């Protein structure tokens, strides 16, 4: 049987490895969200030549068992008194169901006006930018692209 000192030395090594892995995964997730937000901002700027949108970056502190506590950005998109929030939910989430089974998810970000919601699921952590969008009502799944984003925005702002 190992002494307490030997046991704690082994635990320290294990903890260092877990923390390093968690930090790598946390950084990768935050970077993926930042790239998603940059794409959304580009689409919004291209769609808004009148510059009526109020786009503000928001900050969210999340805590997940696998990667710890971290700060990640979101967006607030305002038109007059109406607002859409782009809110990161988590890196580790259950994937949505589809007609062919469960879709593997590597993160979720919500688009919401406070009443209705669209969920964005990252479906591939390696091929960056692969997201799907699911409308809360009816759970229709489609690729997340400019067209599906603009449709969701129109619905949330009506």
Protein backbone atom coordinates (compact mmCIF):
# COMPACT_ATOMS: atom_id res chain seq x y z
CA UNK A 1 0.00 0.00 0.00
CA UNK A 2 1.31 3.44 -0.96
CA UNK A 3 2.02 6.05 1.66
CA UNK A 4 -0.08 9.20 1.77
CA UNK A 5 2.88 11.12 0.35
CA UNK A 6 3.11 8.76 -2.64
CA UNK A 7 -0.65 8.85 -3.15
CA UNK A 8 -0.70 12.68 -3.13
CA UNK A 9 2.25 12.83 -5.53
CA UNK A 10 0.31 10.63 -7.96
CA UNK A 11 -2.81 12.77 -7.53
CA UNK A 12 -0.77 15.93 -8.20
CA UNK A 13 0.46 14.51 -11.52
CA UNK A 14 -3.05 13.47 -12.48
CA UNK A 15 -4.41 16.91 -11.52
CA UNK A 16 -1.76 18.72 -13.59
CA UNK A 17 -2.65 16.61 -16.64
CA UNK A 18 -6.40 17.16 -16.16
CA UNK A 19 -5.92 20.92 -15.77
CA UNK A 20 -3.76 21.14 -18.87
CA UNK A 21 -6.31 19.18 -20.92
CA UNK A 22 -9.18 21.28 -19.55
CA UNK A 23 -7.35 24.51 -20.40
CA UNK A 24 -6.70 23.34 -23.97
CA UNK A 25 -10.35 22.38 -24.47
CA UNK A 26 -11.57 25.60 -22.83
CA UNK A 27 -9.38 27.76 -25.10
CA UNK A 28 -10.52 25.84 -28.17
CA UNK A 29 -14.20 26.32 -27.26
CA UNK A 30 -13.80 30.04 -26.52
CA UNK A 31 -12.00 30.50 -29.86
CA UNK A 32 -14.81 28.63 -31.68
CA UNK A 33 -17.42 30.91 -30.10
CA UNK A 34 -15.36 33.99 -30.99
CA UNK A 35 -15.17 32.84 -34.63
CA UNK A 36 -18.94 32.24 -34.67
CA UNK A 37 -19.59 35.71 -33.27
CA UNK A 38 -17.25 37.29 -35.83
CA UNK A 39 -19.18 35.55 -38.61
CA UNK A 40 -22.50 36.73 -37.16
CA UNK A 41 -21.21 40.31 -36.89
CA UNK A 42 -20.04 40.21 -40.52
CA UNK A 43 -23.46 39.01 -41.68
CA UNK A 44 -25.20 41.69 -39.61
CA UNK A 45 -23.01 44.49 -40.94
CA UNK A 46 -23.58 43.36 -44.52
CA UNK A 47 -27.36 43.21 -43.93
CA UNK A 48 -27.50 46.64 -42.25
CA UNK A 49 -26.39 49.41 -44.64
CA UNK A 50 -28.68 51.83 -42.75
CA UNK A 51 -26.78 51.00 -39.54
CA UNK A 52 -29.88 50.71 -37.38
CA UNK A 53 -28.65 47.68 -35.45
CA UNK A 54 -27.11 48.17 -32.02
CA UNK A 55 -24.55 45.37 -31.68
CA UNK A 56 -22.84 45.00 -28.32
CA UNK A 57 -20.51 42.35 -27.07
CA UNK A 58 -21.60 40.70 -23.84
CA UNK A 59 -19.62 38.68 -21.34
CA UNK A 60 -20.73 35.43 -19.74
CA UNK A 61 -19.13 33.45 -16.98
CA UNK A 62 -19.79 29.72 -17.36
CA UNK A 63 -18.84 26.75 -15.25
CA UNK A 64 -18.57 23.27 -16.66
CA UNK A 65 -17.42 20.14 -14.94
CA UNK A 66 -15.02 19.11 -17.71
CA UNK A 67 -13.32 22.48 -18.30
CA UNK A 68 -13.91 24.57 -15.21
CA UNK A 69 -15.00 28.19 -14.90
CA UNK A 70 -14.38 30.51 -17.81
CA UNK A 71 -15.40 33.77 -19.43
CA UNK A 72 -16.84 33.72 -22.96
CA UNK A 73 -18.36 36.40 -25.19
CA UNK A 74 -21.85 36.71 -26.57
CA UNK A 75 -23.77 39.42 -28.40
CA UNK A 76 -26.72 41.69 -27.87
CA UNK A 77 -28.36 42.75 -31.13
CA UNK A 78 -30.88 45.55 -30.78
CA UNK A 79 -33.35 47.15 -33.17
CA UNK A 80 -35.32 49.84 -31.37
CA UNK A 81 -36.82 48.19 -28.29
CA UNK A 82 -36.38 44.65 -29.64
CA UNK A 83 -33.35 42.56 -28.81
CA UNK A 84 -31.76 39.26 -29.76
CA UNK A 85 -29.19 37.75 -27.45
CA UNK A 86 -26.50 35.40 -28.71
CA UNK A 87 -25.61 33.46 -25.59
CA UNK A 88 -23.07 30.64 -25.26
CA UNK A 89 -24.56 27.79 -23.22
CA UNK A 90 -21.81 25.17 -22.87
CA UNK A 91 -19.08 23.25 -24.62
CA UNK A 92 -20.26 19.90 -23.29
CA UNK A 93 -23.90 19.38 -24.21
CA UNK A 94 -26.17 16.58 -25.31
CA UNK A 95 -26.68 16.68 -29.04
CA UNK A 96 -30.08 17.10 -30.63
CA UNK A 97 -32.09 14.21 -32.07
CA UNK A 98 -32.56 13.90 -35.80
CA UNK A 99 -34.39 11.42 -38.01
CA UNK A 100 -31.16 9.40 -38.20
CA UNK A 101 -30.39 9.46 -34.47
CA UNK A 102 -28.57 11.73 -32.08
CA UNK A 103 -26.29 14.35 -33.61
CA UNK A 104 -22.96 14.60 -31.80
CA UNK A 105 -22.57 18.13 -30.44
CA UNK A 106 -19.41 19.94 -29.39
CA UNK A 107 -21.01 23.08 -27.98
CA UNK A 108 -24.21 25.09 -27.96
CA UNK A 109 -25.01 28.78 -28.40
CA UNK A 110 -28.56 30.17 -28.20
CA UNK A 111 -30.22 32.95 -30.19
CA UNK A 112 -33.19 34.28 -28.24
CA UNK A 113 -35.46 37.26 -27.86
CA UNK A 114 -36.53 36.09 -24.43
CA UNK A 115 -39.65 34.36 -25.76
CA UNK A 116 -38.51 32.30 -28.74
CA UNK A 117 -35.21 30.54 -29.15
CA UNK A 118 -32.97 29.00 -31.76
CA UNK A 119 -30.21 26.65 -30.66
CA UNK A 120 -26.90 26.49 -32.50
CA UNK A 121 -24.98 23.24 -32.10
CA UNK A 122 -21.38 22.87 -33.20
CA UNK A 123 -21.21 19.49 -34.91
CA UNK A 124 -17.50 19.18 -35.66
CA UNK A 125 -14.72 20.57 -33.48
CA UNK A 126 -12.08 19.93 -36.15
CA UNK A 127 -13.79 21.28 -39.29
CA UNK A 128 -14.33 24.73 -37.83
CA UNK A 129 -17.52 26.54 -38.60
CA UNK A 130 -19.78 23.49 -38.87
CA UNK A 131 -22.88 24.42 -36.92
CA UNK A 132 -26.55 23.52 -37.20
CA UNK A 133 -29.51 25.64 -36.13
CA UNK A 134 -32.65 24.26 -34.52
CA UNK A 135 -35.81 26.25 -33.93
CA UNK A 136 -37.23 25.64 -30.46
CA UNK A 137 -40.78 25.39 -31.83
CA UNK A 138 -40.97 22.36 -34.08
CA UNK A 139 -37.29 21.41 -33.74
CA UNK A 140 -36.55 21.89 -37.42
CA UNK A 141 -32.85 21.26 -38.03
CA UNK A 142 -30.88 22.91 -40.80
CA UNK A 143 -27.28 23.93 -41.49
CA UNK A 144 -26.30 27.21 -39.88
CA UNK A 145 -25.44 29.60 -42.67
CA UNK A 146 -26.24 33.15 -43.64
CA UNK A 147 -29.72 32.25 -44.91
CA UNK A 148 -30.77 30.31 -41.80
CA UNK A 149 -29.28 32.99 -39.53
CA UNK A 150 -31.12 35.82 -41.31
CA UNK A 151 -34.37 33.83 -41.19
CA UNK A 152 -33.95 33.27 -37.44
CA UNK A 153 -33.21 36.98 -36.89
CA UNK A 154 -36.30 38.04 -38.83
CA UNK A 155 -38.45 35.65 -36.79
CA UNK A 156 -36.96 36.80 -33.47
CA UNK A 157 -37.35 40.49 -34.34
CA UNK A 158 -40.96 40.33 -35.60
